Amino acid sequence: MNILIDADGCPVVDLTLQIAKQFSVPVIILCDTAHQIEREGAQTLVFDINEAGSGMAGAQHLFYHR
């Protein structure tokens, strides 16, 4: 299991990371090039909104249509 966070609109990134660490669950932060968000304890994937669409919908497209 992984936790995927649409960090562009998620107000609880830090809280999610704290809880995920307690349970040893990997976290992937998804954001576009306008909002690059890096946090210790998480992998960040940055998407070009011109290629991926916008927000989580674009990220889902890239994850499921590779």
C-alpha atoms as a PDB file:
ATOM      1  CA  MET A   1       0.000   0.000   0.000  1.00  0.00           C
ATOM      2  CA  ASN A   2       1.101   3.572  -0.732  1.00  0.00           C
ATOM      3  CA  ILE A   3      -0.497   6.849   0.223  1.00  0.00           C
ATOM      4  CA  LEU A   4      -0.858   9.249  -2.700  1.00  0.00           C
ATOM      5  CA  ILE A   5      -1.252  12.914  -1.800  1.00  0.00           C
ATOM      6  CA  ASP A   6      -2.446  15.540  -4.267  1.00  0.00           C
ATOM      7  CA  ALA A   7      -0.291  18.111  -2.538  1.00  0.00           C
ATOM      8  CA  ASP A   8      -1.522  21.079  -4.570  1.00  0.00           C
ATOM      9  CA  GLY A   9      -4.806  21.020  -2.688  1.00  0.00           C
ATOM     10  CA  CYS A  10      -4.171  18.929   0.427  1.00  0.00           C
ATOM     11  CA  PRO A  11      -4.033  20.895   3.694  1.00  0.00           C
ATOM     12  CA  VAL A  12      -2.836  17.921   5.771  1.00  0.00           C
ATOM     13  CA  VAL A  13       0.409  16.847   4.066  1.00  0.00           C
ATOM     14  CA  ASP A  14       2.497  17.034   7.243  1.00  0.00           C
ATOM     15  CA  LEU A  15      -0.103  15.233   9.372  1.00  0.00           C
ATOM     16  CA  THR A  16      -0.402  12.477   6.763  1.00  0.00           C
ATOM     17  CA  LEU A  17       3.369  12.028   6.730  1.00  0.00           C
ATOM     18  CA  GLN A  18       3.467  11.727  10.523  1.00  0.00           C
ATOM     19  CA  ILE A  19       0.789   9.037  10.574  1.00  0.00           C
ATOM     20  CA  ALA A  20       2.272   7.169   7.594  1.00  0.00           C
ATOM     21  CA  LYS A  21       5.648   7.083   9.346  1.00  0.00           C
ATOM     22  CA  GLN A  22       4.067   5.500  12.447  1.00  0.00           C
ATOM     23  CA  PHE A  23       2.712   2.659  10.302  1.00  0.00           C
ATOM     24  CA  SER A  24       5.681   2.463   7.870  1.00  0.00           C
ATOM     25  CA  VAL A  25       3.496   3.251   4.872  1.00  0.00           C
ATOM     26  CA  PRO A  26       5.270   4.867   1.898  1.00  0.00           C
ATOM     27  CA  VAL A  27       3.981   8.269   0.784  1.00  0.00           C
ATOM     28  CA  ILE A  28       4.084   9.718  -2.705  1.00  0.00           C
ATOM     29  CA  ILE A  29       3.397  13.426  -3.071  1.00  0.00           C
ATOM     30  CA  LEU A  30       1.956  14.454  -6.437  1.00  0.00           C
ATOM     31  CA  CYS A  31       2.159  18.045  -7.582  1.00  0.00           C
ATOM     32  CA  ASP A  32       2.476  20.127 -10.705  1.00  0.00           C
ATOM     33  CA  THR A  33       5.406  22.280 -11.762  1.00  0.00           C
ATOM     34  CA  ALA A  34       3.781  25.388 -10.261  1.00  0.00           C
ATOM     35  CA  HIS A  35       3.692  23.870  -6.743  1.00  0.00           C
ATOM     36  CA  GLN A  36       6.749  21.713  -6.216  1.00  0.00           C
ATOM     37  CA  ILE A  37       6.420  20.378  -2.673  1.00  0.00           C
ATOM     38  CA  GLU A  38       9.223  18.372  -1.084  1.00  0.00           C
ATOM     39  CA  ARG A  39       8.914  16.727   2.334  1.00  0.00           C
ATOM     40  CA  GLU A  40      11.283  14.477   4.230  1.00  0.00           C
ATOM     41  CA  GLY A  41       9.926  10.952   4.339  1.00  0.00           C
ATOM     42  CA  ALA A  42       8.077  11.130   1.037  1.00  0.00           C
ATOM     43  CA  GLN A  43       8.823  10.694  -2.622  1.00  0.00           C
ATOM     44  CA  THR A  44       7.666  13.639  -4.729  1.00  0.00           C
ATOM     45  CA  LEU A  45       6.500  13.251  -8.319  1.00  0.00           C
ATOM     46  CA  VAL A  46       6.186  16.486 -10.270  1.00  0.00           C
ATOM     47  CA  PHE A  47       3.978  16.602 -13.351  1.00  0.00           C
ATOM     48  CA  ASP A  48       3.908  19.136 -16.151  1.00  0.00           C
ATOM     49  CA  ILE A  49       0.276  20.251 -16.191  1.00  0.00           C
ATOM     50  CA  ASN A  50       0.506  20.839 -19.937  1.00  0.00           C
ATOM     51  CA  GLU A  51       1.223  17.133 -20.444  1.00  0.00           C
ATOM     52  CA  ALA A  52      -0.739  15.523 -17.620  1.00  0.00           C
ATOM     53  CA  GLY A  53      -3.878  17.602 -17.318  1.00  0.00           C
ATOM     54  CA  SER A  54      -4.475  19.095 -13.908  1.00  0.00           C
ATOM     55  CA  GLY A  55      -4.295  17.835 -10.363  1.00  0.00           C
ATOM     56  CA  MET A  56      -4.956  14.244  -9.378  1.00  0.00           C
ATOM     57  CA  ALA A  57      -6.818  13.471 -12.618  1.00  0.00           C
ATOM     58  CA  GLY A  58      -3.646  14.042 -14.622  1.00  0.00           C
ATOM     59  CA  ALA A  59      -1.548  12.028 -12.199  1.00  0.00           C
ATOM     60  CA  GLN A  60      -4.004   9.135 -12.296  1.00  0.00           C
ATOM     61  CA  HIS A  61      -3.811   9.161 -16.066  1.00  0.00           C
ATOM     62  CA  LEU A  62      -0.016   8.865 -15.911  1.00  0.00           C
ATOM     63  CA  PHE A  63      -0.073   6.129 -13.259  1.00  0.00           C
ATOM     64  CA  TYR A  64      -2.657   3.943 -14.941  1.00  0.00           C
ATOM     65  CA  HIS A  65      -1.790   4.531 -18.602  1.00  0.00           C
ATOM     66  CA  ARG A  66       1.942   3.931 -18.700  1.00  0.00           C
END
